[in-house]
Amino acid sequence: ISYVGGDFFTDTLPAGDIYALGRILHDWSEPKIAKLLAKIHAALPSGGAVLICEKLLRDDKAGPEWAVLQSLNMLVCAEGKERTLAEYEALLRRAGFSRVEGRTTASPLDAVLAFKAR
């Protein structure tokens, strides 16, 4: 594992087989997320993946309570929001990812894993 500083919107991404984004995407609007995910997809080798760690809203967006409150915080303090698995899947598929899996957990973060086709 290596860590590289920089601006992921403007700098070239370092080579990697998997990119991990923890509490990153909920900060941004859909156009900025689309730009970042497309950039990650282009940088990945075939079969590479992106791991997104965010709290997922239920499909009805009424919970879990912690995610709803965090979404309100994002509305007030940033330009983003919490999203459902279906919303992340749509963003990932538009960026070119072919397989998307999501898991909710009992912890403050859930996981979405998306793969670039081989």
C-alpha atoms as a PDB file:
ATOM      1  CA  ILE A   1       0.000   0.000   0.000  1.00  0.00           C
ATOM      2  CA  SER A   2       1.248   3.458  -0.792  1.00  0.00           C
ATOM      3  CA  TYR A   3      -0.229   6.847  -0.057  1.00  0.00           C
ATOM      4  CA  VAL A   4       0.190   9.689  -2.533  1.00  0.00           C
ATOM      5  CA  GLY A   5      -0.728  13.293  -1.791  1.00  0.00           C
ATOM      6  CA  GLY A   6      -2.442  15.511  -4.323  1.00  0.00           C
ATOM      7  CA  ASP A   7      -5.722  16.720  -5.752  1.00  0.00           C
ATOM      8  CA  PHE A   8      -7.637  13.779  -7.179  1.00  0.00           C
ATOM      9  CA  PHE A   9      -9.671  16.077  -9.432  1.00  0.00           C
ATOM     10  CA  THR A  10      -6.649  17.627 -11.191  1.00  0.00           C
ATOM     11  CA  ASP A  11      -3.546  15.500 -10.589  1.00  0.00           C
ATOM     12  CA  THR A  12      -2.678  12.288 -12.401  1.00  0.00           C
ATOM     13  CA  LEU A  13      -3.676   9.265 -10.343  1.00  0.00           C
ATOM     14  CA  PRO A  14      -0.898   6.856  -9.406  1.00  0.00           C
ATOM     15  CA  ALA A  15      -1.054   3.333 -10.795  1.00  0.00           C
ATOM     16  CA  GLY A  16      -2.977   0.848  -8.704  1.00  0.00           C
ATOM     17  CA  ASP A  17      -5.084  -2.293  -8.855  1.00  0.00           C
ATOM     18  CA  ILE A  18      -7.657  -0.929  -6.416  1.00  0.00           C
ATOM     19  CA  TYR A  19      -8.551   2.561  -5.260  1.00  0.00           C
ATOM     20  CA  ALA A  20     -10.154   3.007  -1.843  1.00  0.00           C
ATOM     21  CA  LEU A  21     -12.355   6.032  -1.173  1.00  0.00           C
ATOM     22  CA  GLY A  22     -13.388   6.400   2.463  1.00  0.00           C
ATOM     23  CA  ARG A  23     -15.855   9.160   3.259  1.00  0.00           C
ATOM     24  CA  ILE A  24     -14.925  10.964   0.056  1.00  0.00           C
ATOM     25  CA  LEU A  25     -17.834  10.762  -2.375  1.00  0.00           C
ATOM     26  CA  HIS A  26     -20.508  11.962   0.048  1.00  0.00           C
ATOM     27  CA  ASP A  27     -18.772  15.377   0.017  1.00  0.00           C
ATOM     28  CA  TRP A  28     -19.356  16.014  -3.678  1.00  0.00           C
ATOM     29  CA  SER A  29     -22.057  16.638  -6.276  1.00  0.00           C
ATOM     30  CA  GLU A  30     -22.868  14.059  -8.954  1.00  0.00           C
ATOM     31  CA  PRO A  31     -20.885  15.880 -11.700  1.00  0.00           C
ATOM     32  CA  LYS A  32     -17.729  15.901  -9.552  1.00  0.00           C
ATOM     33  CA  ILE A  33     -18.245  12.266  -8.534  1.00  0.00           C
ATOM     34  CA  ALA A  34     -18.737  11.325 -12.194  1.00  0.00           C
ATOM     35  CA  LYS A  35     -15.448  13.048 -13.088  1.00  0.00           C
ATOM     36  CA  LEU A  36     -13.549  11.275 -10.302  1.00  0.00           C
ATOM     37  CA  LEU A  37     -15.023   7.824 -10.977  1.00  0.00           C
ATOM     38  CA  ALA A  38     -14.301   8.138 -14.721  1.00  0.00           C
ATOM     39  CA  LYS A  39     -10.723   9.130 -13.900  1.00  0.00           C
ATOM     40  CA  ILE A  40     -10.347   6.136 -11.573  1.00  0.00           C
ATOM     41  CA  HIS A  41     -11.867   3.792 -14.165  1.00  0.00           C
ATOM     42  CA  ALA A  42      -9.417   5.036 -16.806  1.00  0.00           C
ATOM     43  CA  ALA A  43      -6.447   4.546 -14.449  1.00  0.00           C
ATOM     44  CA  LEU A  44      -7.374   1.002 -13.416  1.00  0.00           C
ATOM     45  CA  PRO A  45      -6.132  -2.079 -15.235  1.00  0.00           C
ATOM     46  CA  SER A  46      -8.670  -4.599 -16.497  1.00  0.00           C
ATOM     47  CA  GLY A  47     -10.106  -6.427 -13.490  1.00  0.00           C
ATOM     48  CA  GLY A  48      -9.163  -3.560 -11.137  1.00  0.00           C
ATOM     49  CA  ALA A  49     -11.642  -2.174  -8.634  1.00  0.00           C
ATOM     50  CA  VAL A  50     -12.727   0.777  -6.563  1.00  0.00           C
ATOM     51  CA  LEU A  51     -13.816   0.354  -2.941  1.00  0.00           C
ATOM     52  CA  ILE A  52     -16.182   3.036  -1.661  1.00  0.00           C
ATOM     53  CA  CYS A  53     -16.697   3.276   2.100  1.00  0.00           C
ATOM     54  CA  GLU A  54     -19.699   5.440   2.957  1.00  0.00           C
ATOM     55  CA  LYS A  55     -22.855   4.987   5.012  1.00  0.00           C
ATOM     56  CA  LEU A  56     -25.581   3.798   2.638  1.00  0.00           C
ATOM     57  CA  LEU A  57     -29.104   5.122   2.876  1.00  0.00           C
ATOM     58  CA  ARG A  58     -31.912   2.605   2.624  1.00  0.00           C
ATOM     59  CA  ASP A  59     -33.817   2.668  -0.665  1.00  0.00           C
ATOM     60  CA  ASP A  60     -36.608   4.752   0.928  1.00  0.00           C
ATOM     61  CA  LYS A  61     -33.957   7.229   2.212  1.00  0.00           C
ATOM     62  CA  ALA A  62     -35.622   7.201   5.660  1.00  0.00           C
ATOM     63  CA  GLY A  63     -32.683   5.609   7.395  1.00  0.00           C
ATOM     64  CA  PRO A  64     -30.590   4.521   8.969  1.00  0.00           C
ATOM     65  CA  GLU A  65     -30.896   7.537  11.244  1.00  0.00           C
ATOM     66  CA  TRP A  66     -27.140   8.152  11.397  1.00  0.00           C
ATOM     67  CA  ALA A  67     -26.932   8.302   7.580  1.00  0.00           C
ATOM     68  CA  VAL A  68     -29.908  10.658   7.331  1.00  0.00           C
ATOM     69  CA  LEU A  69     -28.332  13.013   9.876  1.00  0.00           C
ATOM     70  CA  GLN A  70     -25.006  12.836   8.036  1.00  0.00           C
ATOM     71  CA  SER A  71     -26.803  13.647   4.780  1.00  0.00           C
ATOM     72  CA  LEU A  72     -28.265  16.753   6.430  1.00  0.00           C
ATOM     73  CA  ASN A  73     -24.752  17.702   7.546  1.00  0.00           C
ATOM     74  CA  MET A  74     -23.470  17.304   3.966  1.00  0.00           C
ATOM     75  CA  LEU A  75     -26.295  19.526   2.712  1.00  0.00           C
ATOM     76  CA  VAL A  76     -25.332  22.286   5.148  1.00  0.00           C
ATOM     77  CA  CYS A  77     -21.519  21.997   5.081  1.00  0.00           C
ATOM     78  CA  ALA A  78     -20.614  20.650   1.632  1.00  0.00           C
ATOM     79  CA  GLU A  79     -22.153  20.062  -1.767  1.00  0.00           C
ATOM     80  CA  GLY A  80     -22.807  16.352  -1.298  1.00  0.00           C
ATOM     81  CA  LYS A  81     -25.186  13.957   0.415  1.00  0.00           C
ATOM     82  CA  GLU A  82     -25.470  10.362   1.520  1.00  0.00           C
ATOM     83  CA  ARG A  83     -26.745   8.006  -1.179  1.00  0.00           C
ATOM     84  CA  THR A  84     -28.396   4.638  -1.646  1.00  0.00           C
ATOM     85  CA  LEU A  85     -26.613   1.639  -3.120  1.00  0.00           C
ATOM     86  CA  ALA A  86     -28.719   2.098  -6.277  1.00  0.00           C
ATOM     87  CA  GLU A  87     -27.510   5.707  -6.606  1.00  0.00           C
ATOM     88  CA  TYR A  88     -23.863   4.643  -6.237  1.00  0.00           C
ATOM     89  CA  GLU A  89     -24.400   1.797  -8.682  1.00  0.00           C
ATOM     90  CA  ALA A  90     -25.815   4.200 -11.290  1.00  0.00           C
ATOM     91  CA  LEU A  91     -22.832   6.555 -10.875  1.00  0.00           C
ATOM     92  CA  LEU A  92     -20.379   3.662 -11.129  1.00  0.00           C
ATOM     93  CA  ARG A  93     -22.015   2.106 -14.191  1.00  0.00           C
ATOM     94  CA  ARG A  94     -22.035   5.493 -15.971  1.00  0.00           C
ATOM     95  CA  ALA A  95     -18.284   5.681 -15.278  1.00  0.00           C
ATOM     96  CA  GLY A  96     -17.813   2.290 -16.966  1.00  0.00           C
ATOM     97  CA  PHE A  97     -17.715  -0.141 -14.049  1.00  0.00           C
ATOM     98  CA  SER A  98     -19.364  -3.448 -14.873  1.00  0.00           C
ATOM     99  CA  ARG A  99     -19.900  -5.274 -11.586  1.00  0.00           C
ATOM    100  CA  VAL A 100     -21.069  -3.480  -8.446  1.00  0.00           C
ATOM    101  CA  GLU A 101     -21.575  -5.080  -5.042  1.00  0.00           C
ATOM    102  CA  GLY A 102     -22.701  -3.406  -1.833  1.00  0.00           C
ATOM    103  CA  ARG A 103     -22.779  -4.476   1.798  1.00  0.00           C
ATOM    104  CA  THR A 104     -24.266  -2.753   4.791  1.00  0.00           C
ATOM    105  CA  THR A 105     -22.578  -3.208   8.145  1.00  0.00           C
ATOM    106  CA  ALA A 106     -23.248  -2.427  11.784  1.00  0.00           C
ATOM    107  CA  SER A 107     -20.343   0.034  11.751  1.00  0.00           C
ATOM    108  CA  PRO A 108     -20.452   3.706  10.706  1.00  0.00           C
ATOM    109  CA  LEU A 109     -19.355   2.727   7.177  1.00  0.00           C
ATOM    110  CA  ASP A 110     -20.799   0.410   4.563  1.00  0.00           C
ATOM    111  CA  ALA A 111     -18.951  -0.840   1.487  1.00  0.00           C
ATOM    112  CA  VAL A 112     -19.481  -0.648  -2.270  1.00  0.00           C
ATOM    113  CA  LEU A 113     -17.049  -2.540  -4.494  1.00  0.00           C
ATOM    114  CA  ALA A 114     -17.053  -2.011  -8.258  1.00  0.00           C
ATOM    115  CA  PHE A 115     -14.913  -3.733 -10.883  1.00  0.00           C
ATOM    116  CA  LYS A 116     -13.566  -2.704 -14.266  1.00  0.00           C
ATOM    117  CA  ALA A 117     -14.343  -5.404 -16.829  1.00  0.00           C
ATOM    118  CA  ARG A 118     -11.540  -7.752 -17.863  1.00  0.00           C
END
